[in-house]
Amino acid sequence: MAEVLTRRIELPARGGAIAAYEIGPADRPIDLVFSHANGFNARTYLSILAPVAATRRILLPDIRGHGRTALPADPAGRADWTDARDDLLALLDVLDLGDVTLAGHSMGATVSLLAAAEAPARVRDLVLFEPVIMPAGATGGAGRLADGPGHAEAPRRLRQPRGGDPGLYRARGLPVLDAADARRLRRRRLPRRGGRVGDARRRPGVGSIPTTSPRRTTCGGALSAIQAPVRIFRAEKGSTVGATPQELQAIKPGLGQEVVPETTHFLPMERPNLVIAALSG
């Protein structure tokens, strides 16, 4: 794996610091920011993105309420992900990042979408894996991504990848989670307060950010406002992209969309080579 730099980046306007990992050629500026899914953290994606780091400098932040980030994350009264969006915007400002690819999985994809609409001059393009985009006319609910589509079967899928022995994946050059990560994920069912994921502390509120209607209405407006190219990869089964391809195309003509066969919401773990190909620039 590429050398991993552990960072703590102060965000004065946001009341604290955000933790992040940075990988890729040291002589390149950061040109890809990847945001993780709800209930996971940045470390989860390091092995998947390691091949991309051969040509790109990647920043992987721990979103508020996750990993090593210590920003306040009380879930009480939380109705959307605008605080995570604003954290990402502050991060782009503090590091003075421009011409970057914003990418992410699930919550991280949605946060990237919302941030890109607010800072178009800083964003080259977006690559979104399973963003949470509700269908037209959907009503808000208190459902959570952490126990949403495919959550209960995630440990089984990660322990036994399609095709059998993970060793076969490694022999073919496909990244897989290491045994320690797999054991941790098998133990995890619903997020717990005060637990641990890898070497990163889980903050109160991890996995407790509800997928409610404010995000549905905001996402449509954000998508239509973005001028940069956008690609969305959705799972064939249990996708959190609730809007139809036709609805999304009407919002943003020219939008790149792909339904990935035989995948669930855990698409990046199930098709790491697709992620690598989509992000390698």
C-alpha atoms as a PDB file:
ATOM      1  CA  MET A   1       0.000   0.000   0.000  1.00  0.00           C
ATOM      2  CA  ALA A   2       1.103   3.578  -0.640  1.00  0.00           C
ATOM      3  CA  GLU A   3       2.574   5.469   2.304  1.00  0.00           C
ATOM      4  CA  VAL A   4      -0.227   6.814   4.486  1.00  0.00           C
ATOM      5  CA  LEU A   5       0.044  10.251   6.074  1.00  0.00           C
ATOM      6  CA  THR A   6      -2.180  10.795   9.109  1.00  0.00           C
ATOM      7  CA  ARG A   7      -3.420  14.369   9.399  1.00  0.00           C
ATOM      8  CA  ARG A   8      -5.319  16.549  11.849  1.00  0.00           C
ATOM      9  CA  ILE A   9      -6.558  19.692  10.115  1.00  0.00           C
ATOM     10  CA  GLU A  10      -7.862  22.602  12.151  1.00  0.00           C
ATOM     11  CA  LEU A  11     -11.127  24.117  10.907  1.00  0.00           C
ATOM     12  CA  PRO A  12     -11.511  27.273  13.009  1.00  0.00           C
ATOM     13  CA  ALA A  13     -14.847  28.187  11.455  1.00  0.00           C
ATOM     14  CA  ARG A  14     -16.240  24.760  12.371  1.00  0.00           C
ATOM     15  CA  GLY A  15     -15.136  24.652  16.009  1.00  0.00           C
ATOM     16  CA  GLY A  16     -12.411  22.040  15.919  1.00  0.00           C
ATOM     17  CA  ALA A  17     -10.284  19.758  13.802  1.00  0.00           C
ATOM     18  CA  ILE A  18     -11.049  17.128  11.209  1.00  0.00           C
ATOM     19  CA  ALA A  19      -8.929  14.002  10.952  1.00  0.00           C
ATOM     20  CA  ALA A  20      -7.868  12.644   7.578  1.00  0.00           C
ATOM     21  CA  TYR A  21      -5.542  10.287   5.758  1.00  0.00           C
ATOM     22  CA  GLU A  22      -3.500  11.383   2.774  1.00  0.00           C
ATOM     23  CA  ILE A  23      -1.963   9.036   0.200  1.00  0.00           C
ATOM     24  CA  GLY A  24      -0.326   9.417  -3.189  1.00  0.00           C
ATOM     25  CA  PRO A  25       2.741  11.072  -4.753  1.00  0.00           C
ATOM     26  CA  ALA A  26       4.189  13.631  -2.333  1.00  0.00           C
ATOM     27  CA  ASP A  27       5.137  15.957  -5.190  1.00  0.00           C
ATOM     28  CA  ARG A  28       1.519  16.310  -6.341  1.00  0.00           C
ATOM     29  CA  PRO A  29      -1.160  18.584  -4.884  1.00  0.00           C
ATOM     30  CA  ILE A  30      -4.290  16.963  -3.497  1.00  0.00           C
ATOM     31  CA  ASP A  31      -6.578  16.388  -6.476  1.00  0.00           C
ATOM     32  CA  LEU A  32      -9.062  13.849  -5.091  1.00  0.00           C
ATOM     33  CA  VAL A  33     -11.103  14.064  -1.884  1.00  0.00           C
ATOM     34  CA  PHE A  34     -12.977  10.873  -0.999  1.00  0.00           C
ATOM     35  CA  SER A  35     -15.669  10.863   1.711  1.00  0.00           C
ATOM     36  CA  HIS A  36     -16.805   7.665   3.412  1.00  0.00           C
ATOM     37  CA  ALA A  37     -20.207   6.111   4.103  1.00  0.00           C
ATOM     38  CA  ASN A  38     -22.301   6.496   7.244  1.00  0.00           C
ATOM     39  CA  GLY A  39     -21.047   4.323  10.104  1.00  0.00           C
ATOM     40  CA  PHE A  40     -17.689   3.682   8.414  1.00  0.00           C
ATOM     41  CA  ASN A  41     -14.587   5.872   8.405  1.00  0.00           C
ATOM     42  CA  ALA A  42     -11.823   6.930   6.038  1.00  0.00           C
ATOM     43  CA  ARG A  43      -9.576   4.013   6.940  1.00  0.00           C
ATOM     44  CA  THR A  44     -12.109   1.572   5.470  1.00  0.00           C
ATOM     45  CA  TYR A  45     -11.283   2.779   1.947  1.00  0.00           C
ATOM     46  CA  LEU A  46      -7.488   2.993   2.111  1.00  0.00           C
ATOM     47  CA  SER A  47      -6.830  -0.433   0.589  1.00  0.00           C
ATOM     48  CA  ILE A  48      -9.449   0.122  -2.128  1.00  0.00           C
ATOM     49  CA  LEU A  49      -7.965   3.474  -3.152  1.00  0.00           C
ATOM     50  CA  ALA A  50      -4.295   2.499  -2.821  1.00  0.00           C
ATOM     51  CA  PRO A  51      -3.929   1.727  -6.575  1.00  0.00           C
ATOM     52  CA  VAL A  52      -5.441   5.135  -7.419  1.00  0.00           C
ATOM     53  CA  ALA A  53      -2.731   6.744  -5.276  1.00  0.00           C
ATOM     54  CA  ALA A  54      -0.141   5.673  -7.819  1.00  0.00           C
ATOM     55  CA  THR A  55      -1.142   8.679  -9.940  1.00  0.00           C
ATOM     56  CA  ARG A  56      -3.281  10.906  -7.698  1.00  0.00           C
ATOM     57  CA  ARG A  57      -2.865  12.586  -4.307  1.00  0.00           C
ATOM     58  CA  ILE A  58      -5.895  11.592  -2.252  1.00  0.00           C
ATOM     59  CA  LEU A  59      -7.344  13.075   0.937  1.00  0.00           C
ATOM     60  CA  LEU A  60      -9.743  10.885   2.926  1.00  0.00           C
ATOM     61  CA  PRO A  61     -11.386  12.814   5.791  1.00  0.00           C
ATOM     62  CA  ASP A  62     -13.227  11.289   8.734  1.00  0.00           C
ATOM     63  CA  ILE A  63     -16.658  12.917   8.584  1.00  0.00           C
ATOM     64  CA  ARG A  64     -17.994  14.542  11.762  1.00  0.00           C
ATOM     65  CA  GLY A  65     -19.151  11.826  14.168  1.00  0.00           C
ATOM     66  CA  HIS A  66     -16.819   9.220  12.675  1.00  0.00           C
ATOM     67  CA  GLY A  67     -13.284   7.937  13.061  1.00  0.00           C
ATOM     68  CA  ARG A  68     -10.734  10.224  14.705  1.00  0.00           C
ATOM     69  CA  THR A  69     -12.544  13.496  13.985  1.00  0.00           C
ATOM     70  CA  ALA A  70     -13.442  15.262  17.229  1.00  0.00           C
ATOM     71  CA  LEU A  71     -15.946  17.818  15.921  1.00  0.00           C
ATOM     72  CA  PRO A  72     -19.204  17.841  17.938  1.00  0.00           C
ATOM     73  CA  ALA A  73     -21.641  15.240  16.657  1.00  0.00           C
ATOM     74  CA  ASP A  74     -24.756  15.147  18.828  1.00  0.00           C
ATOM     75  CA  PRO A  75     -27.462  13.417  16.747  1.00  0.00           C
ATOM     76  CA  ALA A  76     -30.307  15.036  18.696  1.00  0.00           C
ATOM     77  CA  GLY A  77     -32.386  17.171  16.360  1.00  0.00           C
ATOM     78  CA  ARG A  78     -30.229  16.364  13.356  1.00  0.00           C
ATOM     79  CA  ALA A  79     -32.311  16.318  10.187  1.00  0.00           C
ATOM     80  CA  ASP A  80     -29.771  16.385   7.358  1.00  0.00           C
ATOM     81  CA  TRP A  81     -26.084  16.362   6.442  1.00  0.00           C
ATOM     82  CA  THR A  82     -25.562  20.084   5.953  1.00  0.00           C
ATOM     83  CA  ASP A  83     -23.075  20.179   8.842  1.00  0.00           C
ATOM     84  CA  ALA A  84     -20.951  17.544   7.091  1.00  0.00           C
ATOM     85  CA  ARG A  85     -21.277  19.536   3.864  1.00  0.00           C
ATOM     86  CA  ASP A  86     -20.087  22.682   5.610  1.00  0.00           C
ATOM     87  CA  ASP A  87     -17.170  20.788   7.176  1.00  0.00           C
ATOM     88  CA  LEU A  88     -16.085  19.647   3.717  1.00  0.00           C
ATOM     89  CA  LEU A  89     -16.392  23.187   2.358  1.00  0.00           C
ATOM     90  CA  ALA A  90     -14.277  24.484   5.249  1.00  0.00           C
ATOM     91  CA  LEU A  91     -11.696  21.778   4.573  1.00  0.00           C
ATOM     92  CA  LEU A  92     -11.443  22.822   0.908  1.00  0.00           C
ATOM     93  CA  ASP A  93     -11.043  26.442   2.008  1.00  0.00           C
ATOM     94  CA  VAL A  94      -8.428  25.835   4.703  1.00  0.00           C
ATOM     95  CA  LEU A  95      -6.293  23.731   2.361  1.00  0.00           C
ATOM     96  CA  ASP A  96      -7.074  26.068  -0.559  1.00  0.00           C
ATOM     97  CA  LEU A  97      -7.896  23.116  -2.774  1.00  0.00           C
ATOM     98  CA  GLY A  98      -9.012  23.729  -6.334  1.00  0.00           C
ATOM     99  CA  ASP A  99      -9.651  21.674  -9.451  1.00  0.00           C
ATOM    100  CA  VAL A 100     -10.318  18.606  -7.312  1.00  0.00           C
ATOM    101  CA  THR A 101     -12.415  15.518  -7.857  1.00  0.00           C
ATOM    102  CA  LEU A 102     -14.960  15.052  -5.092  1.00  0.00           C
ATOM    103  CA  ALA A 103     -15.911  11.424  -4.645  1.00  0.00           C
ATOM    104  CA  GLY A 104     -17.572   9.322  -2.016  1.00  0.00           C
ATOM    105  CA  HIS A 105     -19.723   6.401  -1.005  1.00  0.00           C
ATOM    106  CA  SER A 106     -23.299   6.686   0.313  1.00  0.00           C
ATOM    107  CA  MET A 107     -23.393   9.562   2.829  1.00  0.00           C
ATOM    108  CA  GLY A 108     -19.970  10.689   1.602  1.00  0.00           C
ATOM    109  CA  ALA A 109     -21.245  10.818  -1.969  1.00  0.00           C
ATOM    110  CA  THR A 110     -24.223  12.930  -0.944  1.00  0.00           C
ATOM    111  CA  VAL A 111     -22.057  15.284   1.122  1.00  0.00           C
ATOM    112  CA  SER A 112     -19.715  15.667  -1.866  1.00  0.00           C
ATOM    113  CA  LEU A 113     -22.676  16.506  -4.106  1.00  0.00           C
ATOM    114  CA  LEU A 114     -23.978  19.137  -1.699  1.00  0.00           C
ATOM    115  CA  ALA A 115     -20.534  20.702  -1.267  1.00  0.00           C
ATOM    116  CA  ALA A 116     -19.870  20.852  -5.013  1.00  0.00           C
ATOM    117  CA  ALA A 117     -23.031  22.899  -5.516  1.00  0.00           C
ATOM    118  CA  GLU A 118     -21.743  25.467  -3.011  1.00  0.00           C
ATOM    119  CA  ALA A 119     -18.136  25.638  -4.269  1.00  0.00           C
ATOM    120  CA  PRO A 120     -18.235  25.103  -8.046  1.00  0.00           C
ATOM    121  CA  ALA A 121     -14.914  26.895  -8.636  1.00  0.00           C
ATOM    122  CA  ARG A 122     -13.064  24.306  -6.546  1.00  0.00           C
ATOM    123  CA  VAL A 123     -14.521  21.166  -8.143  1.00  0.00           C
ATOM    124  CA  ARG A 124     -13.371  19.568 -11.393  1.00  0.00           C
ATOM    125  CA  ASP A 125     -15.820  16.655 -11.331  1.00  0.00           C
ATOM    126  CA  LEU A 126     -17.781  14.321  -9.081  1.00  0.00           C
ATOM    127  CA  VAL A 127     -17.702  10.523  -8.917  1.00  0.00           C
ATOM    128  CA  LEU A 128     -20.447   9.220  -6.648  1.00  0.00           C
ATOM    129  CA  PHE A 129     -20.949   5.638  -5.515  1.00  0.00           C
ATOM    130  CA  GLU A 130     -24.444   4.950  -4.170  1.00  0.00           C
ATOM    131  CA  PRO A 131     -25.369   8.509  -3.114  1.00  0.00           C
ATOM    132  CA  VAL A 132     -28.556   8.891  -1.098  1.00  0.00           C
ATOM    133  CA  ILE A 133     -31.005  10.539  -3.507  1.00  0.00           C
ATOM    134  CA  MET A 134     -34.664   9.989  -2.732  1.00  0.00           C
ATOM    135  CA  PRO A 135     -37.227   9.587  -5.519  1.00  0.00           C
ATOM    136  CA  ALA A 136     -39.592  12.376  -6.504  1.00  0.00           C
ATOM    137  CA  GLY A 137     -42.591  12.495  -4.174  1.00  0.00           C
ATOM    138  CA  ALA A 138     -40.925  10.443  -1.448  1.00  0.00           C
ATOM    139  CA  THR A 139     -41.714  11.360   2.131  1.00  0.00           C
ATOM    140  CA  GLY A 140     -39.000  11.733   4.741  1.00  0.00           C
ATOM    141  CA  GLY A 141     -38.430   8.940   7.191  1.00  0.00           C
ATOM    142  CA  ALA A 142     -36.338   8.181  10.226  1.00  0.00           C
ATOM    143  CA  GLY A 143     -34.536   5.271   8.582  1.00  0.00           C
ATOM    144  CA  ARG A 144     -30.775   5.175   8.997  1.00  0.00           C
ATOM    145  CA  LEU A 145     -28.122   4.225   6.507  1.00  0.00           C
ATOM    146  CA  ALA A 146     -26.403   2.110   9.115  1.00  0.00           C
ATOM    147  CA  ASP A 147     -29.330  -0.314   9.167  1.00  0.00           C
ATOM    148  CA  GLY A 148     -30.480   0.358   5.616  1.00  0.00           C
ATOM    149  CA  PRO A 149     -30.275  -1.771   2.446  1.00  0.00           C
ATOM    150  CA  GLY A 150     -27.863  -4.662   2.722  1.00  0.00           C
ATOM    151  CA  HIS A 151     -26.542  -3.715   6.181  1.00  0.00           C
ATOM    152  CA  ALA A 152     -27.310  -7.003   7.862  1.00  0.00           C
ATOM    153  CA  GLU A 153     -25.606  -9.013   5.145  1.00  0.00           C
ATOM    154  CA  ALA A 154     -22.506  -6.827   4.870  1.00  0.00           C
ATOM    155  CA  PRO A 155     -20.350  -8.967   7.214  1.00  0.00           C
ATOM    156  CA  ARG A 156     -21.214 -12.108   5.243  1.00  0.00           C
ATOM    157  CA  ARG A 157     -20.429 -10.468   1.909  1.00  0.00           C
ATOM    158  CA  LEU A 158     -17.124  -9.065   3.125  1.00  0.00           C
ATOM    159  CA  ARG A 159     -16.107 -12.374   4.702  1.00  0.00           C
ATOM    160  CA  GLN A 160     -17.010 -14.396   1.613  1.00  0.00           C
ATOM    161  CA  PRO A 161     -16.563 -12.258  -1.533  1.00  0.00           C
ATOM    162  CA  ARG A 162     -18.256 -13.320  -4.737  1.00  0.00           C
ATOM    163  CA  GLY A 163     -15.931 -15.861  -6.301  1.00  0.00           C
ATOM    164  CA  GLY A 164     -14.898 -17.551  -3.038  1.00  0.00           C
ATOM    165  CA  ASP A 165     -11.494 -17.349  -1.381  1.00  0.00           C
ATOM    166  CA  PRO A 166     -10.205 -13.766  -0.887  1.00  0.00           C
ATOM    167  CA  GLY A 167      -6.766 -15.161  -1.746  1.00  0.00           C
ATOM    168  CA  LEU A 168      -7.974 -15.556  -5.318  1.00  0.00           C
ATOM    169  CA  TYR A 169      -8.810 -11.864  -5.382  1.00  0.00           C
ATOM    170  CA  ARG A 170      -5.315 -10.959  -4.189  1.00  0.00           C
ATOM    171  CA  ALA A 171      -3.752 -13.254  -6.772  1.00  0.00           C
ATOM    172  CA  ARG A 172      -5.652 -11.377  -9.481  1.00  0.00           C
ATOM    173  CA  GLY A 173      -4.519  -8.044  -8.067  1.00  0.00           C
ATOM    174  CA  LEU A 174      -7.905  -7.093  -6.594  1.00  0.00           C
ATOM    175  CA  PRO A 175      -7.857  -5.185  -3.271  1.00  0.00           C
ATOM    176  CA  VAL A 176      -9.740  -6.849  -0.407  1.00  0.00           C
ATOM    177  CA  LEU A 177     -10.230  -5.950   3.236  1.00  0.00           C
ATOM    178  CA  ASP A 178      -7.583  -7.455   5.471  1.00  0.00           C
ATOM    179  CA  ALA A 179      -8.540 -10.120   8.020  1.00  0.00           C
ATOM    180  CA  ALA A 180      -8.551  -7.673  10.936  1.00  0.00           C
ATOM    181  CA  ASP A 181     -10.949  -5.329   9.139  1.00  0.00           C
ATOM    182  CA  ALA A 182     -13.196  -8.252   8.207  1.00  0.00           C
ATOM    183  CA  ARG A 183     -13.328  -9.445  11.831  1.00  0.00           C
ATOM    184  CA  ARG A 184     -14.234  -5.952  13.019  1.00  0.00           C
ATOM    185  CA  LEU A 185     -17.002  -5.666  10.441  1.00  0.00           C
ATOM    186  CA  ARG A 186     -18.367  -9.119  11.322  1.00  0.00           C
ATOM    187  CA  ARG A 187     -18.676  -8.029  14.946  1.00  0.00           C
ATOM    188  CA  ARG A 188     -20.456  -4.796  14.003  1.00  0.00           C
ATOM    189  CA  ARG A 189     -24.208  -4.953  13.624  1.00  0.00           C
ATOM    190  CA  LEU A 190     -25.533  -1.599  14.805  1.00  0.00           C
ATOM    191  CA  PRO A 191     -23.309   1.315  15.819  1.00  0.00           C
ATOM    192  CA  ARG A 192     -22.411   1.473  19.503  1.00  0.00           C
ATOM    193  CA  ARG A 193     -21.391   4.461  21.555  1.00  0.00           C
ATOM    194  CA  GLY A 194     -17.826   4.343  22.770  1.00  0.00           C
ATOM    195  CA  GLY A 195     -16.745   1.425  20.571  1.00  0.00           C
ATOM    196  CA  ARG A 196     -13.839   1.325  18.143  1.00  0.00           C
ATOM    197  CA  VAL A 197     -13.432   0.854  14.416  1.00  0.00           C
ATOM    198  CA  GLY A 198      -9.860  -0.122  13.637  1.00  0.00           C
ATOM    199  CA  ASP A 199      -7.604   2.296  15.509  1.00  0.00           C
ATOM    200  CA  ALA A 200     -10.142   5.125  15.210  1.00  0.00           C
ATOM    201  CA  ARG A 201     -12.492   6.084  18.010  1.00  0.00           C
ATOM    202  CA  ARG A 202     -16.180   6.143  17.222  1.00  0.00           C
ATOM    203  CA  ARG A 203     -17.821   9.336  18.428  1.00  0.00           C
ATOM    204  CA  PRO A 204     -21.363   9.639  19.829  1.00  0.00           C
ATOM    205  CA  GLY A 205     -23.713   9.869  16.896  1.00  0.00           C
ATOM    206  CA  VAL A 206     -21.837   7.513  14.582  1.00  0.00           C
ATOM    207  CA  GLY A 207     -24.342   5.880  12.256  1.00  0.00           C
ATOM    208  CA  SER A 208     -27.135   7.961  13.771  1.00  0.00           C
ATOM    209  CA  ILE A 209     -27.650  10.562  11.070  1.00  0.00           C
ATOM    210  CA  PRO A 210     -31.190  10.023   9.731  1.00  0.00           C
ATOM    211  CA  THR A 211     -31.970   9.993   6.029  1.00  0.00           C
ATOM    212  CA  THR A 212     -34.839  12.454   6.095  1.00  0.00           C
ATOM    213  CA  SER A 213     -36.692  14.588   3.585  1.00  0.00           C
ATOM    214  CA  PRO A 214     -34.542  17.764   3.764  1.00  0.00           C
ATOM    215  CA  ARG A 215     -31.770  15.891   2.001  1.00  0.00           C
ATOM    216  CA  ARG A 216     -34.166  14.759  -0.741  1.00  0.00           C
ATOM    217  CA  THR A 217     -35.183  18.282  -1.645  1.00  0.00           C
ATOM    218  CA  THR A 218     -31.661  19.700  -1.331  1.00  0.00           C
ATOM    219  CA  CYS A 219     -30.035  17.030  -3.513  1.00  0.00           C
ATOM    220  CA  GLY A 220     -32.193  17.784  -6.524  1.00  0.00           C
ATOM    221  CA  GLY A 221     -31.355  21.458  -6.329  1.00  0.00           C
ATOM    222  CA  ALA A 222     -27.673  20.714  -5.788  1.00  0.00           C
ATOM    223  CA  LEU A 223     -27.504  18.342  -8.749  1.00  0.00           C
ATOM    224  CA  SER A 224     -29.155  20.807 -11.102  1.00  0.00           C
ATOM    225  CA  ALA A 225     -26.820  23.609  -9.968  1.00  0.00           C
ATOM    226  CA  ILE A 226     -23.585  21.713 -10.628  1.00  0.00           C
ATOM    227  CA  GLN A 227     -21.866  22.524 -13.917  1.00  0.00           C
ATOM    228  CA  ALA A 228     -18.997  20.057 -13.490  1.00  0.00           C
ATOM    229  CA  PRO A 229     -19.292  16.511 -14.887  1.00  0.00           C
ATOM    230  CA  VAL A 230     -21.022  14.073 -12.523  1.00  0.00           C
ATOM    231  CA  ARG A 231     -20.958  10.274 -12.636  1.00  0.00           C
ATOM    232  CA  ILE A 232     -23.205   8.152 -10.451  1.00  0.00           C
ATOM    233  CA  PHE A 233     -22.694   4.429  -9.904  1.00  0.00           C
ATOM    234  CA  ARG A 234     -25.703   2.687  -8.383  1.00  0.00           C
ATOM    235  CA  ALA A 235     -26.161  -0.832  -7.074  1.00  0.00           C
ATOM    236  CA  GLU A 236     -28.434  -3.295  -8.823  1.00  0.00           C
ATOM    237  CA  LYS A 237     -29.936  -4.442  -5.499  1.00  0.00           C
ATOM    238  CA  GLY A 238     -31.151  -2.262  -2.634  1.00  0.00           C
ATOM    239  CA  SER A 239     -29.706   0.962  -3.992  1.00  0.00           C
ATOM    240  CA  THR A 240     -29.955   4.204  -2.018  1.00  0.00           C
ATOM    241  CA  VAL A 241     -30.264   6.054  -5.332  1.00  0.00           C
ATOM    242  CA  GLY A 242     -34.046   6.052  -5.094  1.00  0.00           C
ATOM    243  CA  ALA A 243     -34.617   8.449  -7.969  1.00  0.00           C
ATOM    244  CA  THR A 244     -34.935   6.798 -11.377  1.00  0.00           C
ATOM    245  CA  PRO A 245     -32.314   7.356 -14.083  1.00  0.00           C
ATOM    246  CA  GLN A 246     -34.931   9.303 -16.023  1.00  0.00           C
ATOM    247  CA  GLU A 247     -35.650  11.596 -13.050  1.00  0.00           C
ATOM    248  CA  LEU A 248     -31.934  12.287 -12.553  1.00  0.00           C
ATOM    249  CA  GLN A 249     -31.360  12.871 -16.253  1.00  0.00           C
ATOM    250  CA  ALA A 250     -34.185  15.413 -16.256  1.00  0.00           C
ATOM    251  CA  ILE A 251     -32.528  17.249 -13.365  1.00  0.00           C
ATOM    252  CA  LYS A 252     -29.064  17.188 -14.952  1.00  0.00           C
ATOM    253  CA  PRO A 253     -28.930  16.422 -18.680  1.00  0.00           C
ATOM    254  CA  GLY A 254     -25.727  14.645 -19.626  1.00  0.00           C
ATOM    255  CA  LEU A 255     -25.360  13.028 -16.201  1.00  0.00           C
ATOM    256  CA  GLY A 256     -23.240   9.874 -16.311  1.00  0.00           C
ATOM    257  CA  GLN A 257     -25.066   6.935 -14.761  1.00  0.00           C
ATOM    258  CA  GLU A 258     -24.309   3.254 -14.431  1.00  0.00           C
ATOM    259  CA  VAL A 259     -26.166   0.425 -12.723  1.00  0.00           C
ATOM    260  CA  VAL A 260     -23.532  -2.087 -11.606  1.00  0.00           C
ATOM    261  CA  PRO A 261     -24.819  -5.669 -11.966  1.00  0.00           C
ATOM    262  CA  GLU A 262     -24.915  -8.002  -8.967  1.00  0.00           C
ATOM    263  CA  THR A 263     -24.000  -5.358  -6.409  1.00  0.00           C
ATOM    264  CA  THR A 264     -25.584  -4.003  -3.233  1.00  0.00           C
ATOM    265  CA  HIS A 265     -25.140  -0.737  -1.375  1.00  0.00           C
ATOM    266  CA  PHE A 266     -21.607  -1.948  -0.549  1.00  0.00           C
ATOM    267  CA  LEU A 267     -20.615  -1.504  -4.172  1.00  0.00           C
ATOM    268  CA  PRO A 268     -17.069  -0.140  -3.530  1.00  0.00           C
ATOM    269  CA  MET A 269     -16.164  -3.239  -1.508  1.00  0.00           C
ATOM    270  CA  GLU A 270     -17.787  -5.574  -4.034  1.00  0.00           C
ATOM    271  CA  ARG A 271     -16.342  -3.934  -7.161  1.00  0.00           C
ATOM    272  CA  PRO A 272     -13.053  -2.286  -6.108  1.00  0.00           C
ATOM    273  CA  ASN A 273     -11.671  -2.428  -9.648  1.00  0.00           C
ATOM    274  CA  LEU A 274     -14.599  -0.354 -10.897  1.00  0.00           C
ATOM    275  CA  VAL A 275     -13.817   2.254  -8.213  1.00  0.00           C
ATOM    276  CA  ILE A 276     -10.140   2.257  -9.207  1.00  0.00           C
ATOM    277  CA  ALA A 277     -10.968   2.689 -12.899  1.00  0.00           C
ATOM    278  CA  ALA A 278     -13.484   5.461 -12.228  1.00  0.00           C
ATOM    279  CA  LEU A 279     -11.093   7.469 -10.044  1.00  0.00           C
ATOM    280  CA  SER A 280      -7.775   6.952 -11.803  1.00  0.00           C
ATOM    281  CA  GLY A 281      -7.089  10.162 -13.689  1.00  0.00           C
END
